[in-house]
PDB file of N, CA and C in Angstrom:
ATOM      1  N   MET A   1      -6.554  -1.284  -3.622  1.00  0.00           N
ATOM      2  CA  MET A   1      -6.062  -1.168  -2.258  1.00  0.00           C
ATOM      3  C   MET A   1      -4.680  -0.523  -2.206  1.00  0.00           C
ATOM      4  N   LEU A   2      -4.023  -0.425  -3.336  1.00  0.00           N
ATOM      5  CA  LEU A   2      -2.705   0.159  -3.347  1.00  0.00           C
ATOM      6  C   LEU A   2      -2.686   1.573  -3.966  1.00  0.00           C
ATOM      7  N   GLN A   3      -3.863   2.149  -4.153  1.00  0.00           N
ATOM      8  CA  GLN A   3      -3.948   3.496  -4.689  1.00  0.00           C
ATOM      9  C   GLN A   3      -3.762   4.479  -3.539  1.00  0.00           C
ATOM     10  N   THR A   4      -2.856   5.421  -3.712  1.00  0.00           N
ATOM     11  CA  THR A   4      -2.600   6.379  -2.652  1.00  0.00           C
ATOM     12  C   THR A   4      -3.734   7.391  -2.509  1.00  0.00           C
ATOM     13  N   ASP A   5      -4.509   7.579  -3.548  1.00  0.00           N
ATOM     14  CA  ASP A   5      -5.596   8.561  -3.529  1.00  0.00           C
ATOM     15  C   ASP A   5      -6.969   7.930  -3.731  1.00  0.00           C
ATOM     16  N   ASN A   6      -7.143   6.741  -3.217  1.00  0.00           N
ATOM     17  CA  ASN A   6      -8.357   5.991  -3.361  1.00  0.00           C
ATOM     18  C   ASN A   6      -9.528   6.690  -2.692  1.00  0.00           C
ATOM     19  N   PRO A   7     -10.464   7.280  -3.440  1.00  0.00           N
ATOM     20  CA  PRO A   7     -11.593   8.016  -2.840  1.00  0.00           C
ATOM     21  C   PRO A   7     -12.560   7.100  -2.087  1.00  0.00           C
ATOM     22  N   LEU A   8     -12.610   5.835  -2.422  1.00  0.00           N
ATOM     23  CA  LEU A   8     -13.538   4.914  -1.781  1.00  0.00           C
ATOM     24  C   LEU A   8     -13.064   4.448  -0.416  1.00  0.00           C
ATOM     25  N   ALA A   9     -11.775   4.580  -0.159  1.00  0.00           N
ATOM     26  CA  ALA A   9     -11.202   4.091   1.076  1.00  0.00           C
ATOM     27  C   ALA A   9     -11.825   4.716   2.312  1.00  0.00           C
ATOM     28  N   ALA A  10     -12.160   5.973   2.231  1.00  0.00           N
ATOM     29  CA  ALA A  10     -12.664   6.676   3.425  1.00  0.00           C
ATOM     30  C   ALA A  10     -14.067   7.209   3.188  1.00  0.00           C
ATOM     31  N   LYS A  11     -14.725   6.706   2.197  1.00  0.00           N
ATOM     32  CA  LYS A  11     -16.041   7.215   1.790  1.00  0.00           C
ATOM     33  C   LYS A  11     -17.062   7.277   2.921  1.00  0.00           C
ATOM     34  N   ASP A  12     -17.125   6.251   3.735  1.00  0.00           N
ATOM     35  CA  ASP A  12     -18.150   6.178   4.770  1.00  0.00           C
ATOM     36  C   ASP A  12     -17.752   6.794   6.106  1.00  0.00           C
ATOM     37  N   GLU A  13     -16.551   7.346   6.176  1.00  0.00           N
ATOM     38  CA  GLU A  13     -16.088   7.919   7.410  1.00  0.00           C
ATOM     39  C   GLU A  13     -16.499   9.409   7.474  1.00  0.00           C
ATOM     40  N   ARG A  14     -16.761   9.880   8.656  1.00  0.00           N
ATOM     41  CA  ARG A  14     -17.270  11.275   8.779  1.00  0.00           C
ATOM     42  C   ARG A  14     -16.141  12.261   9.080  1.00  0.00           C
ATOM     43  N   GLY A  15     -15.406  12.023  10.122  1.00  0.00           N
ATOM     44  CA  GLY A  15     -14.363  12.953  10.529  1.00  0.00           C
ATOM     45  C   GLY A  15     -13.076  12.780   9.732  1.00  0.00           C
ATOM     46  N   GLU A  16     -12.281  13.838   9.666  1.00  0.00           N
ATOM     47  CA  GLU A  16     -11.042  13.770   8.925  1.00  0.00           C
ATOM     48  C   GLU A  16     -10.061  12.768   9.518  1.00  0.00           C
ATOM     49  N   ARG A  17     -10.032  12.699  10.821  1.00  0.00           N
ATOM     50  CA  ARG A  17      -9.144  11.719  11.477  1.00  0.00           C
ATOM     51  C   ARG A  17      -9.552  10.305  11.158  1.00  0.00           C
ATOM     52  N   ASP A  18     -10.858  10.041  11.161  1.00  0.00           N
ATOM     53  CA  ASP A  18     -11.379   8.716  10.810  1.00  0.00           C
ATOM     54  C   ASP A  18     -11.063   8.376   9.340  1.00  0.00           C
ATOM     55  N   LYS A  19     -11.200   9.382   8.484  1.00  0.00           N
ATOM     56  CA  LYS A  19     -10.905   9.160   7.053  1.00  0.00           C
ATOM     57  C   LYS A  19      -9.427   8.835   6.880  1.00  0.00           C
ATOM     58  N   ASP A  20      -8.578   9.543   7.580  1.00  0.00           N
ATOM     59  CA  ASP A  20      -7.152   9.299   7.480  1.00  0.00           C
ATOM     60  C   ASP A  20      -6.802   7.917   7.965  1.00  0.00           C
ATOM     61  N   ASN A  21      -7.363   7.514   9.115  1.00  0.00           N
ATOM     62  CA  ASN A  21      -7.111   6.201   9.673  1.00  0.00           C
ATOM     63  C   ASN A  21      -7.561   5.117   8.706  1.00  0.00           C
ATOM     64  N   LYS A  22      -8.701   5.300   8.073  1.00  0.00           N
ATOM     65  CA  LYS A  22      -9.206   4.315   7.137  1.00  0.00           C
ATOM     66  C   LYS A  22      -8.311   4.207   5.898  1.00  0.00           C
ATOM     67  N   ARG A  23      -7.822   5.339   5.407  1.00  0.00           N
ATOM     68  CA  ARG A  23      -6.889   5.308   4.270  1.00  0.00           C
ATOM     69  C   ARG A  23      -5.612   4.532   4.618  1.00  0.00           C
ATOM     70  N   VAL A  24      -5.103   4.764   5.813  1.00  0.00           N
ATOM     71  CA  VAL A  24      -3.901   4.068   6.273  1.00  0.00           C
ATOM     72  C   VAL A  24      -4.169   2.543   6.360  1.00  0.00           C
ATOM     73  N   ILE A  25      -5.291   2.190   6.919  1.00  0.00           N
ATOM     74  CA  ILE A  25      -5.648   0.770   7.066  1.00  0.00           C
ATOM     75  C   ILE A  25      -5.750   0.096   5.712  1.00  0.00           C
ATOM     76  N   VAL A  26      -6.428   0.750   4.788  1.00  0.00           N
ATOM     77  CA  VAL A  26      -6.629   0.175   3.442  1.00  0.00           C
ATOM     78  C   VAL A  26      -5.279  -0.015   2.729  1.00  0.00           C
ATOM     79  N   LEU A  27      -4.423   1.003   2.787  1.00  0.00           N
ATOM     80  CA  LEU A  27      -3.074   0.881   2.147  1.00  0.00           C
ATOM     81  C   LEU A  27      -2.243  -0.192   2.842  1.00  0.00           C
ATOM     82  N   ARG A  28      -2.251  -0.196   4.153  1.00  0.00           N
ATOM     83  CA  ARG A  28      -1.468  -1.219   4.902  1.00  0.00           C
ATOM     84  C   ARG A  28      -1.959  -2.617   4.557  1.00  0.00           C
ATOM     85  N   ASN A  29      -3.245  -2.808   4.495  1.00  0.00           N
ATOM     86  CA  ASN A  29      -3.793  -4.108   4.159  1.00  0.00           C
ATOM     87  C   ASN A  29      -3.430  -4.492   2.716  1.00  0.00           C
ATOM     88  N   GLY A  30      -3.444  -3.521   1.829  1.00  0.00           N
ATOM     89  CA  GLY A  30      -3.035  -3.782   0.440  1.00  0.00           C
ATOM     90  C   GLY A  30      -1.602  -4.213   0.354  1.00  0.00           C
ATOM     91  N   ILE A  31      -0.728  -3.567   1.075  1.00  0.00           N
ATOM     92  CA  ILE A  31       0.686  -3.923   1.080  1.00  0.00           C
ATOM     93  C   ILE A  31       0.882  -5.331   1.646  1.00  0.00           C
ATOM     94  N   GLN A  32       0.208  -5.617   2.765  1.00  0.00           N
ATOM     95  CA  GLN A  32       0.340  -6.956   3.387  1.00  0.00           C
ATOM     96  C   GLN A  32      -0.209  -8.055   2.465  1.00  0.00           C
ATOM     97  N   THR A  33      -1.315  -7.785   1.812  1.00  0.00           N
ATOM     98  CA  THR A  33      -1.919  -8.758   0.903  1.00  0.00           C
ATOM     99  C   THR A  33      -1.035  -9.002  -0.288  1.00  0.00           C
ATOM    100  N   THR A  34      -0.357  -7.968  -0.783  1.00  0.00           N
ATOM    101  CA  THR A  34       0.562  -8.127  -1.881  1.00  0.00           C
ATOM    102  C   THR A  34       1.718  -9.074  -1.508  1.00  0.00           C
ATOM    103  N   VAL A  35       2.221  -8.937  -0.321  1.00  0.00           N
ATOM    104  CA  VAL A  35       3.310  -9.839   0.137  1.00  0.00           C
ATOM    105  C   VAL A  35       2.805 -11.271   0.225  1.00  0.00           C
ATOM    106  N   ILE A  36       1.618 -11.471   0.758  1.00  0.00           N
ATOM    107  CA  ILE A  36       1.054 -12.796   0.877  1.00  0.00           C
ATOM    108  C   ILE A  36       0.863 -13.429  -0.499  1.00  0.00           C
ATOM    109  N   LEU A  37       0.314 -12.633  -1.431  1.00  0.00           N
ATOM    110  CA  LEU A  37       0.109 -13.128  -2.803  1.00  0.00           C
ATOM    111  C   LEU A  37       1.449 -13.530  -3.419  1.00  0.00           C
ATOM    112  N   ALA A  38       2.446 -12.728  -3.272  1.00  0.00           N
ATOM    113  CA  ALA A  38       3.769 -13.024  -3.824  1.00  0.00           C
ATOM    114  C   ALA A  38       4.364 -14.309  -3.227  1.00  0.00           C
ATOM    115  N   GLN A  39       4.131 -14.511  -1.934  1.00  0.00           N
ATOM    116  CA  GLN A  39       4.667 -15.700  -1.265  1.00  0.00           C
ATOM    117  C   GLN A  39       3.919 -16.962  -1.715  1.00  0.00           C
ATOM    118  N   LYS A  40       2.611 -16.849  -1.881  1.00  0.00           N
ATOM    119  CA  LYS A  40       1.813 -18.026  -2.224  1.00  0.00           C
ATOM    120  C   LYS A  40       1.796 -18.327  -3.736  1.00  0.00           C
ATOM    121  N   ASN A  41       2.134 -17.343  -4.538  1.00  0.00           N
ATOM    122  CA  ASN A  41       2.096 -17.532  -5.986  1.00  0.00           C
ATOM    123  C   ASN A  41       3.320 -16.882  -6.620  1.00  0.00           C
ATOM    124  N   PRO A  42       4.515 -17.442  -6.350  1.00  0.00           N
ATOM    125  CA  PRO A  42       5.749 -16.808  -6.825  1.00  0.00           C
ATOM    126  C   PRO A  42       5.912 -16.784  -8.330  1.00  0.00           C
ATOM    127  N   THR A  43       5.152 -17.586  -9.063  1.00  0.00           N
ATOM    128  CA  THR A  43       5.290 -17.563 -10.537  1.00  0.00           C
ATOM    129  C   THR A  43       4.376 -16.582 -11.208  1.00  0.00           C
ATOM    130  N   ALA A  44       3.532 -15.929 -10.454  1.00  0.00           N
ATOM    131  CA  ALA A  44       2.577 -14.965 -11.038  1.00  0.00           C
ATOM    132  C   ALA A  44       3.329 -13.709 -11.526  1.00  0.00           C
ATOM    133  N   ASP A  45       2.715 -13.021 -12.476  1.00  0.00           N
ATOM    134  CA  ASP A  45       3.272 -11.764 -12.969  1.00  0.00           C
ATOM    135  C   ASP A  45       2.894 -10.686 -11.953  1.00  0.00           C
ATOM    136  N   LEU A  46       3.822 -10.281 -11.145  1.00  0.00           N
ATOM    137  CA  LEU A  46       3.565  -9.326 -10.086  1.00  0.00           C
ATOM    138  C   LEU A  46       4.037  -7.928 -10.458  1.00  0.00           C
ATOM    139  N   ALA A  47       4.398  -7.728 -11.700  1.00  0.00           N
ATOM    140  CA  ALA A  47       4.904  -6.404 -12.132  1.00  0.00           C
ATOM    141  C   ALA A  47       3.935  -5.269 -11.830  1.00  0.00           C
ATOM    142  N   PRO A  48       2.622  -5.421 -12.071  1.00  0.00           N
ATOM    143  CA  PRO A  48       1.717  -4.324 -11.735  1.00  0.00           C
ATOM    144  C   PRO A  48       1.691  -3.991 -10.236  1.00  0.00           C
ATOM    145  N   LEU A  49       1.811  -5.012  -9.404  1.00  0.00           N
ATOM    146  CA  LEU A  49       1.848  -4.791  -7.969  1.00  0.00           C
ATOM    147  C   LEU A  49       3.142  -4.137  -7.543  1.00  0.00           C
ATOM    148  N   GLN A  50       4.225  -4.543  -8.166  1.00  0.00           N
ATOM    149  CA  GLN A  50       5.504  -3.903  -7.882  1.00  0.00           C
ATOM    150  C   GLN A  50       5.489  -2.415  -8.280  1.00  0.00           C
ATOM    151  N   GLU A  51       4.856  -2.139  -9.403  1.00  0.00           N
ATOM    152  CA  GLU A  51       4.721  -0.738  -9.837  1.00  0.00           C
ATOM    153  C   GLU A  51       3.900   0.052  -8.841  1.00  0.00           C
ATOM    154  N   ALA A  52       2.817  -0.522  -8.335  1.00  0.00           N
ATOM    155  CA  ALA A  52       1.980   0.150  -7.372  1.00  0.00           C
ATOM    156  C   ALA A  52       2.738   0.400  -6.050  1.00  0.00           C
ATOM    157  N   LEU A  53       3.526  -0.561  -5.646  1.00  0.00           N
ATOM    158  CA  LEU A  53       4.353  -0.385  -4.433  1.00  0.00           C
ATOM    159  C   LEU A  53       5.371   0.763  -4.641  1.00  0.00           C
ATOM    160  N   GLN A  54       5.957   0.787  -5.831  1.00  0.00           N
ATOM    161  CA  GLN A  54       6.942   1.848  -6.112  1.00  0.00           C
ATOM    162  C   GLN A  54       6.262   3.231  -6.101  1.00  0.00           C
ATOM    163  N   LYS A  55       5.026   3.283  -6.551  1.00  0.00           N
ATOM    164  CA  LYS A  55       4.291   4.570  -6.518  1.00  0.00           C
ATOM    165  C   LYS A  55       4.061   5.015  -5.085  1.00  0.00           C
ATOM    166  N   ILE A  56       3.780   4.075  -4.196  1.00  0.00           N
ATOM    167  CA  ILE A  56       3.623   4.435  -2.788  1.00  0.00           C
ATOM    168  C   ILE A  56       4.932   4.962  -2.223  1.00  0.00           C
ATOM    169  N   ILE A  57       6.012   4.289  -2.592  1.00  0.00           N
ATOM    170  CA  ILE A  57       7.333   4.720  -2.103  1.00  0.00           C
ATOM    171  C   ILE A  57       7.669   6.106  -2.580  1.00  0.00           C
ATOM    172  N   ASP A  58       7.382   6.382  -3.845  1.00  0.00           N
ATOM    173  CA  ASP A  58       7.753   7.672  -4.465  1.00  0.00           C
ATOM    174  C   ASP A  58       6.763   8.800  -4.168  1.00  0.00           C
ATOM    175  N   SER A  59       5.568   8.434  -3.728  1.00  0.00           N
ATOM    176  CA  SER A  59       4.509   9.423  -3.502  1.00  0.00           C
ATOM    177  C   SER A  59       4.738  10.238  -2.251  1.00  0.00           C
ATOM    178  N   ASP A  60       4.209  11.414  -2.227  1.00  0.00           N
ATOM    179  CA  ASP A  60       4.248  12.206  -0.987  1.00  0.00           C
ATOM    180  C   ASP A  60       3.050  11.835  -0.072  1.00  0.00           C
ATOM    181  N   LEU A  61       2.187  10.955  -0.575  1.00  0.00           N
ATOM    182  CA  LEU A  61       1.011  10.470   0.177  1.00  0.00           C
ATOM    183  C   LEU A  61       0.236  11.660   0.729  1.00  0.00           C
ATOM    184  N   ALA A  62      -0.079  12.576  -0.147  1.00  0.00           N
ATOM    185  CA  ALA A  62      -0.775  13.818   0.268  1.00  0.00           C
ATOM    186  C   ALA A  62      -2.135  13.552   0.936  1.00  0.00           C
ATOM    187  N   ALA A  63      -2.809  12.486   0.565  1.00  0.00           N
ATOM    188  CA  ALA A  63      -4.111  12.183   1.156  1.00  0.00           C
ATOM    189  C   ALA A  63      -3.984  11.621   2.560  1.00  0.00           C
ATOM    190  N   ILE A  64      -2.762  11.244   2.967  1.00  0.00           N
ATOM    191  CA  ILE A  64      -2.538  10.642   4.286  1.00  0.00           C
ATOM    192  C   ILE A  64      -1.906  11.703   5.190  1.00  0.00           C
ATOM    193  N   LYS A  65      -2.450  11.845   6.359  1.00  0.00           N
ATOM    194  CA  LYS A  65      -1.913  12.826   7.324  1.00  0.00           C
ATOM    195  C   LYS A  65      -0.988  12.197   8.346  1.00  0.00           C
ATOM    196  N   THR A  66      -1.183  10.898   8.644  1.00  0.00           N
ATOM    197  CA  THR A  66      -0.354  10.221   9.622  1.00  0.00           C
ATOM    198  C   THR A  66       0.234   8.955   9.015  1.00  0.00           C
ATOM    199  N   ASP A  67       1.272   8.462   9.607  1.00  0.00           N
ATOM    200  CA  ASP A  67       1.893   7.187   9.224  1.00  0.00           C
ATOM    201  C   ASP A  67       2.401   7.131   7.798  1.00  0.00           C
ATOM    202  N   ARG A  68       2.682   8.267   7.204  1.00  0.00           N
ATOM    203  CA  ARG A  68       3.242   8.262   5.829  1.00  0.00           C
ATOM    204  C   ARG A  68       4.503   7.445   5.757  1.00  0.00           C
ATOM    205  N   SER A  69       5.440   7.726   6.619  1.00  0.00           N
ATOM    206  CA  SER A  69       6.750   7.055   6.542  1.00  0.00           C
ATOM    207  C   SER A  69       6.586   5.579   6.818  1.00  0.00           C
ATOM    208  N   LYS A  70       5.698   5.199   7.733  1.00  0.00           N
ATOM    209  CA  LYS A  70       5.498   3.787   8.025  1.00  0.00           C
ATOM    210  C   LYS A  70       4.950   3.045   6.800  1.00  0.00           C
ATOM    211  N   LEU A  71       4.024   3.665   6.085  1.00  0.00           N
ATOM    212  CA  LEU A  71       3.499   3.066   4.860  1.00  0.00           C
ATOM    213  C   LEU A  71       4.594   2.925   3.799  1.00  0.00           C
ATOM    214  N   GLN A  72       5.392   3.947   3.682  1.00  0.00           N
ATOM    215  CA  GLN A  72       6.463   3.880   2.654  1.00  0.00           C
ATOM    216  C   GLN A  72       7.507   2.840   3.013  1.00  0.00           C
ATOM    217  N   ILE A  73       7.827   2.709   4.284  1.00  0.00           N
ATOM    218  CA  ILE A  73       8.778   1.680   4.718  1.00  0.00           C
ATOM    219  C   ILE A  73       8.187   0.294   4.479  1.00  0.00           C
ATOM    220  N   ALA A  74       6.908   0.111   4.762  1.00  0.00           N
ATOM    221  CA  ALA A  74       6.256  -1.172   4.526  1.00  0.00           C
ATOM    222  C   ALA A  74       6.267  -1.518   3.033  1.00  0.00           C
ATOM    223  N   ALA A  75       5.993  -0.511   2.196  1.00  0.00           N
ATOM    224  CA  ALA A  75       6.009  -0.712   0.734  1.00  0.00           C
ATOM    225  C   ALA A  75       7.442  -1.071   0.283  1.00  0.00           C
ATOM    226  N   LYS A  76       8.433  -0.397   0.798  1.00  0.00           N
ATOM    227  CA  LYS A  76       9.836  -0.708   0.439  1.00  0.00           C
ATOM    228  C   LYS A  76      10.197  -2.142   0.826  1.00  0.00           C
ATOM    229  N   GLU A  77       9.797  -2.534   2.013  1.00  0.00           N
ATOM    230  CA  GLU A  77      10.101  -3.891   2.490  1.00  0.00           C
ATOM    231  C   GLU A  77       9.369  -4.936   1.618  1.00  0.00           C
ATOM    232  N   ALA A  78       8.099  -4.662   1.297  1.00  0.00           N
ATOM    233  CA  ALA A  78       7.343  -5.595   0.438  1.00  0.00           C
ATOM    234  C   ALA A  78       7.987  -5.700  -0.934  1.00  0.00           C
ATOM    235  N   LEU A  79       8.389  -4.604  -1.496  1.00  0.00           N
ATOM    236  CA  LEU A  79       9.029  -4.596  -2.809  1.00  0.00           C
ATOM    237  C   LEU A  79      10.345  -5.351  -2.764  1.00  0.00           C
ATOM    238  N   ARG A  80      11.098  -5.154  -1.713  1.00  0.00           N
ATOM    239  CA  ARG A  80      12.369  -5.839  -1.540  1.00  0.00           C
ATOM    240  C   ARG A  80      12.166  -7.344  -1.473  1.00  0.00           C
ATOM    241  N   MET A  81      11.173  -7.752  -0.706  1.00  0.00           N
ATOM    242  CA  MET A  81      10.848  -9.169  -0.567  1.00  0.00           C
ATOM    243  C   MET A  81      10.442  -9.800  -1.899  1.00  0.00           C
ATOM    244  N   MET A  82       9.651  -9.070  -2.643  1.00  0.00           N
ATOM    245  CA  MET A  82       9.169  -9.572  -3.931  1.00  0.00           C
ATOM    246  C   MET A  82      10.343  -9.715  -4.931  1.00  0.00           C
ATOM    247  N   LYS A  83      11.218  -8.766  -4.925  1.00  0.00           N
ATOM    248  CA  LYS A  83      12.368  -8.819  -5.844  1.00  0.00           C
ATOM    249  C   LYS A  83      13.326  -9.919  -5.432  1.00  0.00           C
ATOM    250  N   LYS A  84      13.433 -10.185  -4.157  1.00  0.00           N
ATOM    251  CA  LYS A  84      14.331 -11.203  -3.619  1.00  0.00           C
ATOM    252  C   LYS A  84      13.848 -12.611  -4.041  1.00  0.00           C
ATOM    253  N   GLN A  85      12.532 -12.784  -4.161  1.00  0.00           N
ATOM    254  CA  GLN A  85      11.961 -14.063  -4.482  1.00  0.00           C
ATOM    255  C   GLN A  85      12.260 -14.500  -5.931  1.00  0.00           C
ATOM    256  N   LYS A  86      12.558 -13.565  -6.794  1.00  0.00           N
ATOM    257  CA  LYS A  86      12.826 -13.912  -8.205  1.00  0.00           C
ATOM    258  C   LYS A  86      14.033 -14.746  -8.385  1.00  0.00           C
TER     259      LYS A  86
END
């Protein structure tokens, strides 16, 4: 859910706009779920999720046409929250 180029995210969508919306939804849900997991299980090894969030932040999100900056801001906030919990 945190892959910026996840081909399965929009597999069943027909139009480009629908595919883009689905990619945004999948990434947003992945970011939100990561935060929930970190809150509910603060002792878990979250390093792989933190790396995935950092990739979203650093990526140009080429597969996404809309809401790029919103996704990157959400990933930054999630990463900040996770690091603050340590």
